[in-house]
PDB file of N, CA and C in Angstrom:
ATOM      1  N   MET A   1      74.609 -42.627 -23.047  1.00  0.00           N
ATOM      2  CA  MET A   1      74.926 -43.363 -21.933  1.00  0.00           C
ATOM      3  C   MET A   1      76.076 -44.400 -21.903  1.00  0.00           C
ATOM      4  N   ILE A   2      75.471 -45.401 -22.607  1.00  0.00           N
ATOM      5  CA  ILE A   2      76.303 -46.632 -23.050  1.00  0.00           C
ATOM      6  C   ILE A   2      77.271 -46.447 -23.698  1.00  0.00           C
ATOM      7  N   VAL A   3      77.171 -45.603 -25.147  1.00  0.00           N
ATOM      8  CA  VAL A   3      78.319 -45.341 -25.521  1.00  0.00           C
ATOM      9  C   VAL A   3      79.642 -44.558 -25.280  1.00  0.00           C
ATOM     10  N   LYS A   4      79.294 -43.532 -24.451  1.00  0.00           N
ATOM     11  CA  LYS A   4      79.765 -43.121 -23.617  1.00  0.00           C
ATOM     12  C   LYS A   4      81.204 -44.322 -22.723  1.00  0.00           C
ATOM     13  N   PHE A   5      80.434 -44.705 -22.061  1.00  0.00           N
ATOM     14  CA  PHE A   5      80.781 -45.773 -20.870  1.00  0.00           C
ATOM     15  C   PHE A   5      81.844 -46.844 -21.820  1.00  0.00           C
ATOM     16  N   LEU A   6      81.146 -47.426 -23.101  1.00  0.00           N
ATOM     17  CA  LEU A   6      81.806 -48.244 -24.230  1.00  0.00           C
ATOM     18  C   LEU A   6      83.403 -47.856 -24.597  1.00  0.00           C
ATOM     19  N   ARG A   7      83.279 -45.899 -24.707  1.00  0.00           N
ATOM     20  CA  ARG A   7      84.327 -45.110 -25.474  1.00  0.00           C
ATOM     21  C   ARG A   7      84.879 -45.059 -23.925  1.00  0.00           C
ATOM     22  N   TRP A   8      84.508 -45.143 -22.855  1.00  0.00           N
ATOM     23  CA  TRP A   8      85.821 -45.348 -21.842  1.00  0.00           C
ATOM     24  C   TRP A   8      86.466 -46.013 -21.880  1.00  0.00           C
ATOM     25  N   TRP A   9      85.368 -47.185 -21.379  1.00  0.00           N
ATOM     26  CA  TRP A   9      86.362 -48.549 -21.179  1.00  0.00           C
ATOM     27  C   TRP A   9      86.698 -49.003 -22.610  1.00  0.00           C
ATOM     28  N   GLY A  10      86.998 -48.278 -23.589  1.00  0.00           N
ATOM     29  CA  GLY A  10      87.677 -48.639 -24.464  1.00  0.00           C
ATOM     30  C   GLY A  10      89.235 -48.224 -24.574  1.00  0.00           C
ATOM     31  N   THR A  11      89.237 -46.662 -24.127  1.00  0.00           N
ATOM     32  CA  THR A  11      90.699 -46.619 -23.808  1.00  0.00           C
ATOM     33  C   THR A  11      91.220 -46.772 -22.816  1.00  0.00           C
ATOM     34  N   GLY A  12      90.643 -47.507 -21.575  1.00  0.00           N
ATOM     35  CA  GLY A  12      91.513 -48.109 -20.692  1.00  0.00           C
ATOM     36  C   GLY A  12      92.962 -49.002 -20.754  1.00  0.00           C
ATOM     37  N   SER A  13      93.271 -49.032 -19.870  1.00  0.00           N
ATOM     38  CA  SER A  13      94.359 -49.783 -20.053  1.00  0.00           C
ATOM     39  C   SER A  13      93.825 -51.687 -19.625  1.00  0.00           C
ATOM     40  N   PRO A  14      94.593 -52.761 -20.243  1.00  0.00           N
ATOM     41  CA  PRO A  14      93.619 -54.359 -19.807  1.00  0.00           C
ATOM     42  C   PRO A  14      93.854 -53.980 -18.251  1.00  0.00           C
ATOM     43  N   LEU A  15      94.870 -53.362 -17.482  1.00  0.00           N
ATOM     44  CA  LEU A  15      95.078 -53.734 -15.996  1.00  0.00           C
ATOM     45  C   LEU A  15      94.048 -52.900 -15.129  1.00  0.00           C
ATOM     46  N   TRP A  16      93.744 -51.910 -15.789  1.00  0.00           N
ATOM     47  CA  TRP A  16      92.598 -51.466 -14.984  1.00  0.00           C
ATOM     48  C   TRP A  16      91.327 -51.734 -15.281  1.00  0.00           C
ATOM     49  N   ARG A  17      90.766 -52.253 -16.298  1.00  0.00           N
ATOM     50  CA  ARG A  17      90.033 -52.812 -16.418  1.00  0.00           C
ATOM     51  C   ARG A  17      89.943 -54.231 -16.200  1.00  0.00           C
ATOM     52  N   ARG A  18      90.764 -54.798 -15.499  1.00  0.00           N
ATOM     53  CA  ARG A  18      90.666 -56.102 -14.658  1.00  0.00           C
ATOM     54  C   ARG A  18      90.411 -55.445 -13.250  1.00  0.00           C
ATOM     55  N   LEU A  19      90.838 -54.390 -12.505  1.00  0.00           N
ATOM     56  CA  LEU A  19      90.377 -53.289 -11.647  1.00  0.00           C
ATOM     57  C   LEU A  19      89.381 -53.428 -11.022  1.00  0.00           C
ATOM     58  N   VAL A  20      88.584 -53.039 -12.368  1.00  0.00           N
ATOM     59  CA  VAL A  20      87.064 -52.466 -12.302  1.00  0.00           C
ATOM     60  C   VAL A  20      86.301 -53.574 -12.334  1.00  0.00           C
ATOM     61  N   ALA A  21      86.715 -54.523 -13.164  1.00  0.00           N
ATOM     62  CA  ALA A  21      86.083 -55.496 -13.195  1.00  0.00           C
ATOM     63  C   ALA A  21      86.252 -56.653 -11.638  1.00  0.00           C
ATOM     64  N   ALA A  22      87.015 -56.413 -11.171  1.00  0.00           N
ATOM     65  CA  ALA A  22      87.378 -57.324 -10.079  1.00  0.00           C
ATOM     66  C   ALA A  22      86.402 -56.834  -8.730  1.00  0.00           C
ATOM     67  N   ALA A  23      86.364 -55.306  -8.734  1.00  0.00           N
ATOM     68  CA  ALA A  23      85.388 -54.186  -7.539  1.00  0.00           C
ATOM     69  C   ALA A  23      84.060 -54.844  -7.734  1.00  0.00           C
ATOM     70  N   VAL A  24      83.612 -54.700  -9.119  1.00  0.00           N
ATOM     71  CA  VAL A  24      82.135 -55.033  -9.274  1.00  0.00           C
ATOM     72  C   VAL A  24      81.654 -56.485  -8.868  1.00  0.00           C
ATOM     73  N   LEU A  25      82.559 -56.950  -9.511  1.00  0.00           N
ATOM     74  CA  LEU A  25      82.409 -58.045  -8.759  1.00  0.00           C
ATOM     75  C   LEU A  25      82.458 -58.493  -7.443  1.00  0.00           C
ATOM     76  N   GLY A  26      82.974 -58.567  -6.914  1.00  0.00           N
ATOM     77  CA  GLY A  26      83.583 -58.711  -5.234  1.00  0.00           C
ATOM     78  C   GLY A  26      82.454 -57.981  -4.442  1.00  0.00           C
ATOM     79  N   ALA A  27      82.175 -56.673  -5.411  1.00  0.00           N
ATOM     80  CA  ALA A  27      81.028 -55.796  -4.427  1.00  0.00           C
ATOM     81  C   ALA A  27      80.068 -56.293  -4.439  1.00  0.00           C
ATOM     82  N   ALA A  28      79.461 -57.184  -5.815  1.00  0.00           N
ATOM     83  CA  ALA A  28      77.728 -57.616  -5.983  1.00  0.00           C
ATOM     84  C   ALA A  28      78.248 -58.826  -5.545  1.00  0.00           C
ATOM     85  N   ALA A  29      79.067 -59.920  -5.225  1.00  0.00           N
ATOM     86  CA  ALA A  29      79.308 -61.043  -4.484  1.00  0.00           C
ATOM     87  C   ALA A  29      78.751 -60.912  -2.947  1.00  0.00           C
ATOM     88  N   PHE A  30      79.281 -59.625  -2.829  1.00  0.00           N
ATOM     89  CA  PHE A  30      79.460 -59.353  -0.842  1.00  0.00           C
ATOM     90  C   PHE A  30      78.335 -59.079  -0.575  1.00  0.00           C
ATOM     91  N   VAL A  31      77.288 -58.388  -1.668  1.00  0.00           N
ATOM     92  CA  VAL A  31      76.032 -57.651  -1.302  1.00  0.00           C
ATOM     93  C   VAL A  31      74.923 -58.735  -1.739  1.00  0.00           C
ATOM     94  N   ALA A  32      75.301 -59.491  -2.353  1.00  0.00           N
ATOM     95  CA  ALA A  32      74.487 -60.578  -2.836  1.00  0.00           C
ATOM     96  C   ALA A  32      74.695 -61.604  -1.541  1.00  0.00           C
ATOM     97  N   GLY A  33      75.775 -62.201  -1.132  1.00  0.00           N
ATOM     98  CA  GLY A  33      76.043 -62.635   0.181  1.00  0.00           C
ATOM     99  C   GLY A  33      75.221 -62.310   1.370  1.00  0.00           C
ATOM    100  N   GLN A  34      75.034 -61.223   1.678  1.00  0.00           N
ATOM    101  CA  GLN A  34      74.558 -60.381   2.731  1.00  0.00           C
ATOM    102  C   GLN A  34      73.070 -60.723   2.434  1.00  0.00           C
ATOM    103  N   VAL A  35      72.680 -60.258   1.434  1.00  0.00           N
ATOM    104  CA  VAL A  35      71.346 -60.493   0.867  1.00  0.00           C
ATOM    105  C   VAL A  35      70.559 -62.130   1.393  1.00  0.00           C
ATOM    106  N   SER A  36      71.268 -62.600   0.974  1.00  0.00           N
ATOM    107  CA  SER A  36      71.056 -64.187   0.884  1.00  0.00           C
ATOM    108  C   SER A  36      71.045 -64.588   2.630  1.00  0.00           C
ATOM    109  N   ALA A  37      72.056 -64.053   3.353  1.00  0.00           N
ATOM    110  CA  ALA A  37      71.971 -64.116   4.808  1.00  0.00           C
ATOM    111  C   ALA A  37      71.089 -63.745   5.848  1.00  0.00           C
ATOM    112  N   LEU A  38      70.607 -62.425   5.049  1.00  0.00           N
ATOM    113  CA  LEU A  38      69.710 -61.703   5.836  1.00  0.00           C
ATOM    114  C   LEU A  38      67.971 -62.526   5.289  1.00  0.00           C
ATOM    115  N   ALA A  39      68.203 -63.290   4.409  1.00  0.00           N
ATOM    116  CA  ALA A  39      66.793 -64.063   4.109  1.00  0.00           C
ATOM    117  C   ALA A  39      66.802 -65.498   4.243  1.00  0.00           C
ATOM    118  N   GLY A  40      68.018 -65.660   5.260  1.00  0.00           N
ATOM    119  CA  GLY A  40      68.015 -67.045   5.681  1.00  0.00           C
ATOM    120  C   GLY A  40      67.897 -68.221   4.369  1.00  0.00           C
ATOM    121  N   GLY A  41      68.959 -67.681   3.405  1.00  0.00           N
ATOM    122  CA  GLY A  41      69.620 -68.647   2.133  1.00  0.00           C
ATOM    123  C   GLY A  41      70.083 -70.227   3.262  1.00  0.00           C
ATOM    124  N   SER A  42      70.697 -70.840   1.883  1.00  0.00           N
ATOM    125  CA  SER A  42      71.917 -71.543   2.140  1.00  0.00           C
ATOM    126  C   SER A  42      72.803 -71.559   2.860  1.00  0.00           C
ATOM    127  N   PRO A  43      73.229 -72.197   3.662  1.00  0.00           N
ATOM    128  CA  PRO A  43      74.428 -71.670   4.291  1.00  0.00           C
ATOM    129  C   PRO A  43      75.864 -71.447   3.197  1.00  0.00           C
ATOM    130  N   VAL A  44      75.264 -72.829   2.047  1.00  0.00           N
ATOM    131  CA  VAL A  44      76.471 -73.021   1.081  1.00  0.00           C
ATOM    132  C   VAL A  44      76.431 -71.751   0.261  1.00  0.00           C
ATOM    133  N   LEU A  45      75.452 -71.425  -0.043  1.00  0.00           N
ATOM    134  CA  LEU A  45      75.242 -70.284  -1.052  1.00  0.00           C
ATOM    135  C   LEU A  45      75.291 -68.942  -0.489  1.00  0.00           C
ATOM    136  N   THR A  46      75.561 -68.943   1.035  1.00  0.00           N
ATOM    137  CA  THR A  46      75.970 -67.359   1.451  1.00  0.00           C
ATOM    138  C   THR A  46      77.982 -67.385   1.656  1.00  0.00           C
ATOM    139  N   PHE A  47      78.228 -68.558   2.296  1.00  0.00           N
ATOM    140  CA  PHE A  47      79.778 -68.620   2.461  1.00  0.00           C
ATOM    141  C   PHE A  47      80.326 -68.711   1.399  1.00  0.00           C
ATOM    142  N   GLY A  48      79.656 -69.283  -0.387  1.00  0.00           N
ATOM    143  CA  GLY A  48      80.163 -69.488  -1.255  1.00  0.00           C
ATOM    144  C   GLY A  48      80.019 -67.953  -2.000  1.00  0.00           C
ATOM    145  N   LEU A  49      79.271 -67.361  -1.905  1.00  0.00           N
ATOM    146  CA  LEU A  49      79.186 -65.771  -2.487  1.00  0.00           C
ATOM    147  C   LEU A  49      80.386 -65.298  -1.575  1.00  0.00           C
ATOM    148  N   ALA A  50      80.218 -65.120  -0.292  1.00  0.00           N
ATOM    149  CA  ALA A  50      81.483 -64.684   0.466  1.00  0.00           C
ATOM    150  C   ALA A  50      82.625 -65.124   0.119  1.00  0.00           C
ATOM    151  N   GLY A  51      82.651 -66.452  -0.235  1.00  0.00           N
ATOM    152  CA  GLY A  51      84.525 -66.690  -0.440  1.00  0.00           C
ATOM    153  C   GLY A  51      84.476 -66.093  -1.799  1.00  0.00           C
ATOM    154  N   LEU A  52      83.925 -65.928  -2.935  1.00  0.00           N
ATOM    155  CA  LEU A  52      84.072 -65.132  -4.292  1.00  0.00           C
ATOM    156  C   LEU A  52      84.334 -63.717  -3.924  1.00  0.00           C
ATOM    157  N   ALA A  53      83.503 -63.153  -2.843  1.00  0.00           N
ATOM    158  CA  ALA A  53      83.710 -61.648  -2.429  1.00  0.00           C
ATOM    159  C   ALA A  53      85.023 -61.495  -1.944  1.00  0.00           C
ATOM    160  N   ALA A  54      85.694 -62.278  -1.533  1.00  0.00           N
ATOM    161  CA  ALA A  54      87.464 -62.725  -1.046  1.00  0.00           C
ATOM    162  C   ALA A  54      87.785 -62.834  -2.062  1.00  0.00           C
ATOM    163  N   VAL A  55      87.959 -63.713  -2.842  1.00  0.00           N
ATOM    164  CA  VAL A  55      88.780 -64.035  -3.972  1.00  0.00           C
ATOM    165  C   VAL A  55      89.105 -62.559  -4.737  1.00  0.00           C
ATOM    166  N   ALA A  56      87.740 -62.144  -5.426  1.00  0.00           N
ATOM    167  CA  ALA A  56      87.634 -60.776  -6.028  1.00  0.00           C
ATOM    168  C   ALA A  56      88.650 -59.711  -5.422  1.00  0.00           C
ATOM    169  N   MET A  57      88.462 -59.706  -4.342  1.00  0.00           N
ATOM    170  CA  MET A  57      89.288 -58.305  -3.500  1.00  0.00           C
ATOM    171  C   MET A  57      90.829 -58.862  -3.258  1.00  0.00           C
ATOM    172  N   ILE A  58      90.964 -59.828  -3.021  1.00  0.00           N
ATOM    173  CA  ILE A  58      92.447 -60.357  -3.011  1.00  0.00           C
ATOM    174  C   ILE A  58      92.875 -59.855  -4.244  1.00  0.00           C
ATOM    175  N   PHE A  59      92.282 -60.489  -5.725  1.00  0.00           N
ATOM    176  CA  PHE A  59      92.702 -60.143  -6.881  1.00  0.00           C
ATOM    177  C   PHE A  59      92.546 -58.523  -7.029  1.00  0.00           C
ATOM    178  N   PHE A  60      91.419 -57.830  -6.392  1.00  0.00           N
ATOM    179  CA  PHE A  60      91.937 -56.537  -6.540  1.00  0.00           C
ATOM    180  C   PHE A  60      93.076 -55.889  -6.101  1.00  0.00           C
ATOM    181  N   GLY A  61      93.123 -56.381  -5.130  1.00  0.00           N
ATOM    182  CA  GLY A  61      94.235 -55.909  -4.218  1.00  0.00           C
ATOM    183  C   GLY A  61      95.692 -55.949  -5.197  1.00  0.00           C
ATOM    184  N   PHE A  62      95.792 -57.343  -5.529  1.00  0.00           N
ATOM    185  CA  PHE A  62      97.375 -57.751  -6.507  1.00  0.00           C
ATOM    186  C   PHE A  62      97.575 -57.054  -7.596  1.00  0.00           C
ATOM    187  N   THR A  63      96.171 -56.743  -8.269  1.00  0.00           N
ATOM    188  CA  THR A  63      96.234 -55.960  -9.129  1.00  0.00           C
ATOM    189  C   THR A  63      96.847 -54.551  -9.130  1.00  0.00           C
ATOM    190  N   LEU A  64      96.100 -53.726  -8.059  1.00  0.00           N
ATOM    191  CA  LEU A  64      96.218 -52.493  -7.576  1.00  0.00           C
ATOM    192  C   LEU A  64      97.877 -52.692  -7.073  1.00  0.00           C
ATOM    193  N   MET A  65      98.373 -53.635  -6.563  1.00  0.00           N
ATOM    194  CA  MET A  65     100.100 -53.624  -6.198  1.00  0.00           C
ATOM    195  C   MET A  65     100.564 -53.708  -7.274  1.00  0.00           C
ATOM    196  N   MET A  66     100.189 -54.665  -8.598  1.00  0.00           N
ATOM    197  CA  MET A  66     100.954 -54.502  -9.761  1.00  0.00           C
ATOM    198  C   MET A  66     100.841 -53.072 -10.224  1.00  0.00           C
ATOM    199  N   ALA A  67      99.989 -52.571 -10.422  1.00  0.00           N
ATOM    200  CA  ALA A  67     100.033 -51.113 -11.221  1.00  0.00           C
ATOM    201  C   ALA A  67     100.937 -50.153 -10.221  1.00  0.00           C
ATOM    202  N   ARG A  68     100.827 -50.101  -8.824  1.00  0.00           N
ATOM    203  CA  ARG A  68     101.712 -49.296  -8.252  1.00  0.00           C
ATOM    204  C   ARG A  68     103.085 -49.483  -8.621  1.00  0.00           C
ATOM    205  N   ALA A  69     103.597 -51.036  -8.822  1.00  0.00           N
ATOM    206  CA  ALA A  69     104.679 -51.557  -8.985  1.00  0.00           C
ATOM    207  C   ALA A  69     105.039 -50.952 -10.139  1.00  0.00           C
ATOM    208  N   ARG A  70     104.644 -50.510 -11.361  1.00  0.00           N
ATOM    209  CA  ARG A  70     104.970 -50.352 -12.231  1.00  0.00           C
ATOM    210  C   ARG A  70     105.014 -48.466 -12.503  1.00  0.00           C
ATOM    211  N   GLY A  71     104.332 -48.117 -11.626  1.00  0.00           N
ATOM    212  CA  GLY A  71     104.971 -46.614 -11.270  1.00  0.00           C
ATOM    213  C   GLY A  71     103.197 -46.138 -11.621  1.00  0.00           C
ATOM    214  N   GLU A  72     102.338 -46.792 -11.500  1.00  0.00           N
ATOM    215  CA  GLU A  72     100.614 -45.826 -11.680  1.00  0.00           C
ATOM    216  C   GLU A  72     100.131 -45.337 -10.763  1.00  0.00           C
ATOM    217  N   HIS A  73      99.884 -44.410 -10.156  1.00  0.00           N
ATOM    218  CA  HIS A  73      99.347 -44.058  -9.031  1.00  0.00           C
ATOM    219  C   HIS A  73      97.644 -44.539  -9.082  1.00  0.00           C
ATOM    220  N   ALA A  74      96.917 -44.474  -8.322  1.00  0.00           N
ATOM    221  CA  ALA A  74      95.625 -44.919  -8.169  1.00  0.00           C
ATOM    222  C   ALA A  74      94.677 -44.027  -9.164  1.00  0.00           C
ATOM    223  N   TYR A  75      95.006 -42.535  -8.732  1.00  0.00           N
ATOM    224  CA  TYR A  75      93.876 -41.643  -9.534  1.00  0.00           C
ATOM    225  C   TYR A  75      94.874 -40.628 -10.326  1.00  0.00           C
ATOM    226  N   SER A  76      96.006 -41.239 -10.580  1.00  0.00           N
ATOM    227  CA  SER A  76      96.887 -40.999 -12.390  1.00  0.00           C
ATOM    228  C   SER A  76      97.625 -41.843 -13.145  1.00  0.00           C
ATOM    229  N   PRO A  77      96.895 -42.961 -13.405  1.00  0.00           N
ATOM    230  CA  PRO A  77      97.404 -44.188 -13.965  1.00  0.00           C
ATOM    231  C   PRO A  77      98.296 -43.774 -15.249  1.00  0.00           C
ATOM    232  N   GLY A  78      99.422 -44.242 -15.381  1.00  0.00           N
ATOM    233  CA  GLY A  78     100.214 -43.868 -16.434  1.00  0.00           C
ATOM    234  C   GLY A  78      99.644 -43.733 -17.917  1.00  0.00           C
ATOM    235  N   TRP A  79      98.731 -44.982 -18.285  1.00  0.00           N
ATOM    236  CA  TRP A  79      98.482 -44.627 -19.067  1.00  0.00           C
ATOM    237  C   TRP A  79      97.435 -43.785 -19.823  1.00  0.00           C
ATOM    238  N   TYR A  80      96.665 -43.189 -18.670  1.00  0.00           N
ATOM    239  CA  TYR A  80      95.807 -41.916 -18.901  1.00  0.00           C
ATOM    240  C   TYR A  80      96.496 -40.751 -19.140  1.00  0.00           C
ATOM    241  N   ARG A  81      97.658 -40.683 -18.117  1.00  0.00           N
ATOM    242  CA  ARG A  81      98.597 -39.591 -18.951  1.00  0.00           C
ATOM    243  C   ARG A  81      98.993 -39.592 -20.153  1.00  0.00           C
ATOM    244  N   ARG A  82      99.608 -40.516 -20.515  1.00  0.00           N
ATOM    245  CA  ARG A  82      99.978 -40.831 -21.749  1.00  0.00           C
ATOM    246  C   ARG A  82      98.610 -40.328 -22.791  1.00  0.00           C
ATOM    247  N   PHE A  83      97.518 -40.473 -22.410  1.00  0.00           N
ATOM    248  CA  PHE A  83      96.347 -40.469 -23.419  1.00  0.00           C
ATOM    249  C   PHE A  83      96.518 -38.968 -23.339  1.00  0.00           C
ATOM    250  N   GLN A  84      96.294 -38.094 -21.995  1.00  0.00           N
ATOM    251  CA  GLN A  84      95.918 -36.873 -22.275  1.00  0.00           C
ATOM    252  C   GLN A  84      97.205 -35.997 -22.986  1.00  0.00           C
ATOM    253  N   GLU A  85      98.448 -36.595 -22.880  1.00  0.00           N
ATOM    254  CA  GLU A  85      99.490 -35.649 -23.310  1.00  0.00           C
ATOM    255  C   GLU A  85      99.541 -35.899 -24.965  1.00  0.00           C
ATOM    256  N   GLN A  86      98.620 -37.100 -25.456  1.00  0.00           N
ATOM    257  CA  GLN A  86      98.724 -37.574 -26.739  1.00  0.00           C
ATOM    258  C   GLN A  86      97.387 -36.800 -27.631  1.00  0.00           C
ATOM    259  N   VAL A  87      96.316 -36.107 -26.136  1.00  0.00           N
ATOM    260  CA  VAL A  87      95.301 -35.218 -26.891  1.00  0.00           C
ATOM    261  C   VAL A  87      95.577 -33.826 -26.596  1.00  0.00           C
ATOM    262  N   HIS A  88      96.672 -33.656 -26.024  1.00  0.00           N
ATOM    263  CA  HIS A  88      97.109 -32.084 -25.695  1.00  0.00           C
ATOM    264  C   HIS A  88      97.583 -31.515 -27.002  1.00  0.00           C
ATOM    265  N   SER A  89      98.817 -32.566 -27.245  1.00  0.00           N
ATOM    266  CA  SER A  89      99.414 -32.419 -28.586  1.00  0.00           C
ATOM    267  C   SER A  89      99.446 -32.505 -29.925  1.00  0.00           C
ATOM    268  N   SER A  90      98.057 -33.099 -29.605  1.00  0.00           N
ATOM    269  CA  SER A  90      97.520 -33.022 -31.413  1.00  0.00           C
ATOM    270  C   SER A  90      96.445 -31.957 -31.601  1.00  0.00           C
ATOM    271  N   ARG A  91      96.261 -31.265 -30.766  1.00  0.00           N
ATOM    272  CA  ARG A  91      95.642 -29.804 -30.492  1.00  0.00           C
ATOM    273  C   ARG A  91      96.228 -28.602 -31.422  1.00  0.00           C
TER     274      ARG A  91
END
């Protein structure tokens, strides 16, 4: 499973790798902030994690806008279409 993930990660464009990394970081920071708040953790930690989640989501949105400006759609990015065309043409 890890090998399949690493192969998938290697075929992606740097832009989409940044999208995935920003989404995972934002979601993890959001969940950690919520758990910290529910557990009665330090307000500095809670707001710090919430701020990190907000920055990650802003970066995610900016990166997604960059992808769309380059003509890549969210569900069919240009690099993946070119990759599929290369695979099908080599058969």
